[in-house]
C-alpha atoms as a PDB file:
ATOM      1  CA  MET A   1       0.000  -0.054  -0.261  1.00  0.00           C
ATOM      2  CA  LYS A   2       2.935   2.489   0.887  1.00  0.00           C
ATOM      3  CA  LEU A   3       4.210   1.757  -2.411  1.00  0.00           C
ATOM      4  CA  LEU A   4       0.948   2.843  -4.167  1.00  0.00           C
ATOM      5  CA  VAL A   5       0.681   6.131  -2.110  1.00  0.00           C
ATOM      6  CA  PHE A   6       4.321   6.743  -3.266  1.00  0.00           C
ATOM      7  CA  PHE A   7       3.904   6.170  -6.795  1.00  0.00           C
ATOM      8  CA  LEU A   8       1.163   8.102  -6.804  1.00  0.00           C
ATOM      9  CA  MET A   9       2.865  10.757  -4.618  1.00  0.00           C
ATOM     10  CA  MET A  10       5.447  11.075  -7.922  1.00  0.00           C
ATOM     11  CA  ALA A  11       2.160  11.342 -10.261  1.00  0.00           C
ATOM     12  CA  THR A  12       0.483  14.327  -8.416  1.00  0.00           C
ATOM     13  CA  ALA A  13       3.930  16.279  -7.279  1.00  0.00           C
ATOM     14  CA  ASP A  14       6.175  19.097  -9.376  1.00  0.00           C
ATOM     15  CA  VAL A  15       9.164  20.113  -8.049  1.00  0.00           C
ATOM     16  CA  GLN A  16      11.319  22.478 -10.297  1.00  0.00           C
ATOM     17  CA  ASP A  17      14.760  21.487 -10.960  1.00  0.00           C
ATOM     18  CA  PRO A  18      17.076  24.759 -11.670  1.00  0.00           C
ATOM     19  CA  THR A  19      18.779  22.641 -14.208  1.00  0.00           C
ATOM     20  CA  THR A  20      16.343  21.928 -16.304  1.00  0.00           C
ATOM     21  CA  VAL A  21      14.162  24.080 -18.818  1.00  0.00           C
ATOM     22  CA  MET A  22      10.779  23.070 -20.515  1.00  0.00           C
ATOM     23  CA  ILE A  23      10.771  24.048 -23.650  1.00  0.00           C
ATOM     24  CA  ASP A  24       7.310  23.889 -26.322  1.00  0.00           C
ATOM     25  CA  ASN A  25       6.716  20.802 -23.679  1.00  0.00           C
ATOM     26  CA  VAL A  26       9.875  19.368 -24.067  1.00  0.00           C
ATOM     27  CA  VAL A  27      12.040  19.103 -21.116  1.00  0.00           C
ATOM     28  CA  VAL A  28      15.961  19.930 -21.808  1.00  0.00           C
ATOM     29  CA  SER A  29      18.516  19.496 -19.274  1.00  0.00           C
ATOM     30  CA  ASP A  30      22.371  20.935 -19.069  1.00  0.00           C
ATOM     31  CA  GLN A  31      23.810  17.474 -18.018  1.00  0.00           C
ATOM     32  CA  ASP A  32      23.675  14.729 -20.675  1.00  0.00           C
ATOM     33  CA  ASN A  33      24.196  12.477 -17.882  1.00  0.00           C
ATOM     34  CA  LYS A  34      20.802  13.162 -15.956  1.00  0.00           C
ATOM     35  CA  LYS A  35      17.400  12.378 -17.235  1.00  0.00           C
ATOM     36  CA  GLU A  36      13.925  11.962 -15.883  1.00  0.00           C
ATOM     37  CA  ILE A  37      12.716   8.756 -14.845  1.00  0.00           C
ATOM     38  CA  SER A  38       9.185   7.437 -13.803  1.00  0.00           C
ATOM     39  CA  ALA A  39       8.352   5.908  -9.969  1.00  0.00           C
ATOM     40  CA  GLN A  40       8.769   2.336 -11.543  1.00  0.00           C
ATOM     41  CA  GLU A  41      11.813   2.854 -12.698  1.00  0.00           C
ATOM     42  CA  LEU A  42      13.370   3.080  -9.658  1.00  0.00           C
ATOM     43  CA  PRO A  43      15.646   0.071  -7.717  1.00  0.00           C
ATOM     44  CA  GLU A  44      13.336  -1.533  -4.993  1.00  0.00           C
ATOM     45  CA  ALA A  45      15.826  -0.617  -2.483  1.00  0.00           C
ATOM     46  CA  VAL A  46      15.610   3.096  -2.898  1.00  0.00           C
ATOM     47  CA  VAL A  47      12.249   3.217  -3.031  1.00  0.00           C
ATOM     48  CA  THR A  48      12.621   0.644   0.345  1.00  0.00           C
ATOM     49  CA  ALA A  49      14.694   3.229   2.128  1.00  0.00           C
ATOM     50  CA  PHE A  50      12.754   5.959   1.147  1.00  0.00           C
ATOM     51  CA  GLN A  51       9.500   5.140   2.956  1.00  0.00           C
ATOM     52  CA  GLU A  52      11.490   3.916   5.191  1.00  0.00           C
ATOM     53  CA  SER A  53      13.272   7.833   5.627  1.00  0.00           C
ATOM     54  CA  GLU A  54      12.906  10.207   7.866  1.00  0.00           C
ATOM     55  CA  TYR A  55      11.539  11.992   4.806  1.00  0.00           C
ATOM     56  CA  SER A  56       8.962   9.904   3.975  1.00  0.00           C
ATOM     57  CA  ASP A  57       5.794  12.412   4.924  1.00  0.00           C
ATOM     58  CA  TRP A  58       7.602  14.596   1.996  1.00  0.00           C
ATOM     59  CA  THR A  59       5.650  14.655  -1.242  1.00  0.00           C
ATOM     60  CA  VAL A  60       8.178  13.345  -4.274  1.00  0.00           C
ATOM     61  CA  GLY A  61       8.544  14.932  -7.034  1.00  0.00           C
ATOM     62  CA  LYS A  62      10.620  14.444 -10.210  1.00  0.00           C
ATOM     63  CA  VAL A  63      12.659  11.671 -10.021  1.00  0.00           C
ATOM     64  CA  TYR A  64      16.037  11.495 -11.767  1.00  0.00           C
ATOM     65  CA  GLN A  65      18.965   9.172 -13.058  1.00  0.00           C
ATOM     66  CA  VAL A  66      21.764   9.980 -13.574  1.00  0.00           C
ATOM     67  CA  ASP A  67      24.547   7.882 -14.446  1.00  0.00           C
ATOM     68  CA  GLY A  68      27.907   8.716 -13.026  1.00  0.00           C
ATOM     69  CA  SER A  69      31.411   7.293 -14.549  1.00  0.00           C
ATOM     70  CA  ALA A  70      31.361   4.978 -11.283  1.00  0.00           C
ATOM     71  CA  GLU A  71      28.132   4.033 -10.842  1.00  0.00           C
ATOM     72  CA  THR A  72      24.122   5.125 -11.297  1.00  0.00           C
ATOM     73  CA  THR A  73      22.711   7.214  -8.722  1.00  0.00           C
ATOM     74  CA  TYR A  74      19.113   8.274  -8.070  1.00  0.00           C
ATOM     75  CA  GLU A  75      17.694  12.119  -6.999  1.00  0.00           C
ATOM     76  CA  LEU A  76      14.654  12.571  -5.557  1.00  0.00           C
ATOM     77  CA  HIS A  77      13.042  16.178  -5.621  1.00  0.00           C
ATOM     78  CA  LEU A  78      11.150  16.434  -2.477  1.00  0.00           C
ATOM     79  CA  LEU A  79       8.392  19.187  -1.154  1.00  0.00           C
ATOM     80  CA  GLN A  80       6.990  19.839   2.114  1.00  0.00           C
ATOM     81  CA  GLY A  81       5.678  23.056   2.755  1.00  0.00           C
ATOM     82  CA  ASP A  82       7.095  26.100   1.463  1.00  0.00           C
ATOM     83  CA  GLU A  83      10.903  23.385   2.002  1.00  0.00           C
ATOM     84  CA  THR A  84      12.527  21.682  -1.035  1.00  0.00           C
ATOM     85  CA  LEU A  85      15.256  19.306  -0.486  1.00  0.00           C
ATOM     86  CA  ILE A  86      16.721  16.440  -2.830  1.00  0.00           C
ATOM     87  CA  LEU A  87      17.798  13.245  -1.879  1.00  0.00           C
ATOM     88  CA  VAL A  88      20.754  11.285  -3.743  1.00  0.00           C
ATOM     89  CA  ALA A  89      20.500   7.309  -3.411  1.00  0.00           C
ATOM     90  CA  ASP A  90      22.619   4.493  -5.018  1.00  0.00           C
ATOM     91  CA  ALA A  91      21.477   1.286  -6.322  1.00  0.00           C
ATOM     92  CA  GLN A  92      21.112   0.138  -2.759  1.00  0.00           C
ATOM     93  CA  GLY A  93      19.172   2.380  -1.694  1.00  0.00           C
ATOM     94  CA  ASN A  94      21.466   4.136   0.236  1.00  0.00           C
ATOM     95  CA  LEU A  95      20.342   7.861   0.611  1.00  0.00           C
ATOM     96  CA  GLN A  96      21.627  11.171   1.511  1.00  0.00           C
ATOM     97  CA  PRO A  97      20.826  14.919   1.217  1.00  0.00           C
ATOM     98  CA  LYS A  98      22.346  16.836  -2.149  1.00  0.00           C
ATOM     99  CA  THR A  99      24.867  19.196  -1.291  1.00  0.00           C
ATOM    100  CA  GLU A 100      25.680  22.057  -2.851  1.00  0.00           C
ATOM    101  CA  GLY A 101      28.419  22.206  -5.626  1.00  0.00           C
END
């Protein structure tokens, strides 16, 4: 049931990524290795880790897959009230807030 709620939140929320621009309904990103994905494409370990984290009550907006040279990571863009937060997760579900820079 929690997984269904997670996916419903993903479908209804819209958190803007400052590195992405919408042009004629086409998303253009300045990071070639970063692409928006659906919640269904997240590894199960990431979904489980999010649901069990202190951020599970935040609304999930967009989700991105970032293909790095060493590994693939996932960005979960979260919203709670006026606050926004980006969590970064590896495929094993290790979550951490994204730091600037």
